[in-house]
Amino acid sequence: MNFQLEMLLQGRKNLLSLLKPYSDEQLNTIPTGFKNNLIWNLGHVIVSHQVLCYKFCGLSAAISDEYINKFRKGTIPGPPVNSSNIDYLKTLALETVDVFIDDYRKGIFKQYQTYQSMYGVSLTCIEDAIEFNNTHEGLHIGYVMAMCKSPDLEL
């Protein structure tokens, strides 16, 4: 499982690196042909990880319900995310992973509410959730990479 935890952390670092050159306005721009934006993708991977790994274990998420409701599965970008919230999301991206890795190593994830993923596979334990989450985050990193090529977000 150490490899999966490393993948989670490295994926978040890669995502933040992709977002770094963009202004707040660009992070909030929905490029032509897409239904969300760069900052929504960052918020979404943070929220999805918290739901998959904490909520389905009957534990409290490290983020507020406000963020969960704004970026969870099935949402679309609302009003632009302001600079302070963008900075907060960027901080959460790594902090939540660090806390999660520590929590996993402490063994706090004892139970798991089975969840049928969008890929048609059932997640039945925290290890399933970690592996699925990494696949899910890889998908969103791919969307971000595609968005970064959009003329709407030219640097």
Protein backbone atom coordinates (compact mmCIF):
# COMPACT_ATOMS: atom_id res chain seq x y z
CA MET A 1 0.00 0.00 0.00
CA ASN A 2 3.00 2.32 0.40
CA PHE A 3 3.19 2.63 -3.39
CA GLN A 4 -0.48 3.68 -3.58
CA LEU A 5 0.08 6.30 -0.88
CA GLU A 6 3.13 7.61 -2.75
CA MET A 7 1.04 7.77 -5.93
CA LEU A 8 -1.63 9.79 -4.13
CA LEU A 9 0.90 12.32 -2.85
CA GLN A 10 2.80 12.56 -6.13
CA GLY A 11 -0.41 12.92 -8.12
CA ARG A 12 -1.42 15.89 -5.96
CA LYS A 13 2.00 17.48 -6.41
CA ASN A 14 1.72 16.99 -10.17
CA LEU A 15 -1.75 18.53 -10.21
CA LEU A 16 -0.59 21.57 -8.24
CA SER A 17 2.34 21.95 -10.62
CA LEU A 18 -0.03 21.97 -13.59
CA LEU A 19 -2.16 24.69 -11.97
CA LYS A 20 0.70 26.90 -10.78
CA PRO A 21 1.13 29.13 -13.86
CA TYR A 22 -2.55 30.09 -14.08
CA SER A 23 -4.17 33.25 -12.72
CA ASP A 24 -7.26 33.11 -10.50
CA GLU A 25 -9.34 34.16 -13.50
CA GLN A 26 -7.91 31.36 -15.65
CA LEU A 27 -8.42 28.80 -12.87
CA ASN A 28 -12.12 29.79 -12.85
CA THR A 29 -12.54 29.83 -16.65
CA ILE A 30 -14.52 26.96 -18.14
CA PRO A 31 -12.72 26.23 -21.41
CA THR A 32 -14.77 25.69 -24.54
CA GLY A 33 -15.90 22.08 -24.75
CA PHE A 34 -15.66 21.42 -21.00
CA LYS A 35 -18.28 21.58 -18.25
CA ASN A 36 -15.97 22.53 -15.40
CA ASN A 37 -12.73 24.40 -14.78
CA LEU A 38 -9.25 23.92 -13.35
CA ILE A 39 -10.07 24.95 -9.79
CA TRP A 40 -13.21 22.80 -9.70
CA ASN A 41 -11.07 19.78 -10.61
CA LEU A 42 -8.71 20.52 -7.71
CA GLY A 43 -11.60 20.93 -5.28
CA HIS A 44 -13.28 17.82 -6.64
CA VAL A 45 -10.30 15.49 -6.11
CA ILE A 46 -9.84 16.78 -2.57
CA VAL A 47 -13.52 16.29 -1.74
CA SER A 48 -13.81 12.91 -3.46
CA HIS A 49 -10.85 11.57 -1.52
CA GLN A 50 -12.32 12.77 1.78
CA VAL A 51 -15.70 11.20 1.01
CA LEU A 52 -14.29 7.91 -0.29
CA CYS A 53 -11.77 7.47 2.49
CA TYR A 54 -13.30 9.12 5.56
CA LYS A 55 -17.07 9.44 5.15
CA PHE A 56 -17.52 5.85 3.89
CA CYS A 57 -15.55 4.71 6.94
CA GLY A 58 -17.97 6.56 9.23
CA LEU A 59 -15.37 9.22 10.05
CA SER A 60 -15.46 13.00 9.81
CA ALA A 61 -13.88 14.63 6.80
CA ALA A 62 -11.08 17.14 7.32
CA ILE A 63 -12.94 19.66 5.17
CA SER A 64 -16.20 21.49 5.68
CA ASP A 65 -19.56 20.40 4.33
CA GLU A 66 -19.55 23.68 2.38
CA TYR A 67 -16.58 22.46 0.33
CA ILE A 68 -18.02 18.97 0.04
CA ASN A 69 -21.28 20.35 -1.33
CA LYS A 70 -19.48 22.68 -3.72
CA PHE A 71 -17.11 20.12 -5.29
CA ARG A 72 -18.66 16.68 -4.78
CA LYS A 73 -19.63 14.26 -7.53
CA GLY A 74 -22.37 15.66 -9.75
CA THR A 75 -21.65 19.35 -9.09
CA ILE A 76 -20.59 22.00 -11.56
CA PRO A 77 -18.67 25.21 -10.94
CA GLY A 78 -20.70 27.93 -9.27
CA PRO A 79 -19.58 31.52 -8.76
CA PRO A 80 -15.85 32.09 -9.21
CA VAL A 81 -13.64 30.81 -6.41
CA ASN A 82 -11.84 33.78 -4.87
CA SER A 83 -8.10 34.05 -4.30
CA SER A 84 -8.15 33.13 -0.61
CA ASN A 85 -10.23 30.01 -1.29
CA ILE A 86 -7.95 29.06 -4.17
CA ASP A 87 -4.96 29.32 -1.84
CA TYR A 88 -6.83 27.29 0.77
CA LEU A 89 -7.61 24.53 -1.75
CA LYS A 90 -3.97 24.41 -2.83
CA THR A 91 -2.94 24.03 0.81
CA LEU A 92 -5.59 21.37 1.44
CA ALA A 93 -4.40 19.40 -1.57
CA LEU A 94 -1.23 18.34 0.22
CA GLU A 95 -2.24 18.72 3.87
CA THR A 96 -5.17 16.33 3.53
CA VAL A 97 -2.91 13.71 1.96
CA ASP A 98 -0.32 14.05 4.73
CA VAL A 99 -3.02 13.66 7.40
CA PHE A 100 -4.59 10.75 5.51
CA ILE A 101 -1.29 8.86 5.24
CA ASP A 102 -0.73 9.34 8.97
CA ASP A 103 -4.30 8.22 9.74
CA TYR A 104 -3.93 5.16 7.50
CA ARG A 105 -0.71 4.15 9.22
CA LYS A 106 -2.42 4.59 12.61
CA GLY A 107 -5.09 2.14 11.44
CA ILE A 108 -8.13 4.36 12.04
CA PHE A 109 -10.04 3.06 9.00
CA LYS A 110 -11.68 0.04 10.60
CA GLN A 111 -14.99 -0.28 8.75
CA TYR A 112 -16.14 0.61 5.25
CA GLN A 113 -19.61 1.24 3.84
CA THR A 114 -19.58 -0.59 0.49
CA TYR A 115 -19.74 1.87 -2.40
CA GLN A 116 -20.50 1.12 -6.05
CA SER A 117 -18.06 3.26 -8.03
CA MET A 118 -18.71 5.00 -11.32
CA TYR A 119 -16.48 2.34 -12.90
CA GLY A 120 -18.94 -0.39 -11.89
CA VAL A 121 -16.75 -1.91 -9.19
CA SER A 122 -17.61 -2.15 -5.51
CA LEU A 123 -15.31 -0.63 -2.94
CA THR A 124 -15.47 -2.71 0.23
CA CYS A 125 -12.46 -1.56 2.28
CA ILE A 126 -10.12 1.39 2.67
CA GLU A 127 -7.51 -0.21 0.39
CA ASP A 128 -10.09 -0.45 -2.41
CA ALA A 129 -10.95 3.21 -1.81
CA ILE A 130 -7.30 4.29 -1.99
CA GLU A 131 -6.69 2.44 -5.24
CA PHE A 132 -9.93 3.66 -6.81
CA ASN A 133 -9.25 7.21 -5.65
CA ASN A 134 -5.87 7.19 -7.37
CA THR A 135 -7.52 6.09 -10.62
CA HIS A 136 -10.16 8.80 -10.17
CA GLU A 137 -7.55 11.48 -9.51
CA GLY A 138 -5.60 10.33 -12.58
CA LEU A 139 -8.73 10.87 -14.66
CA HIS A 140 -9.06 14.43 -13.37
CA ILE A 141 -5.38 15.15 -13.91
CA GLY A 142 -6.00 14.11 -17.51
CA TYR A 143 -8.91 16.56 -17.76
CA VAL A 144 -6.71 19.31 -16.32
CA MET A 145 -3.96 18.52 -18.84
CA ALA A 146 -6.50 18.74 -21.67
CA MET A 147 -7.88 22.03 -20.33
CA CYS A 148 -4.36 23.46 -20.12
CA LYS A 149 -4.10 23.00 -23.90
CA SER A 150 -7.24 25.04 -24.52
CA PRO A 151 -6.77 28.37 -26.29
CA ASP A 152 -9.15 29.79 -23.66
CA LEU A 153 -6.39 29.34 -21.06
CA GLU A 154 -3.37 30.50 -23.05
CA LEU A 155 -0.46 31.53 -20.89
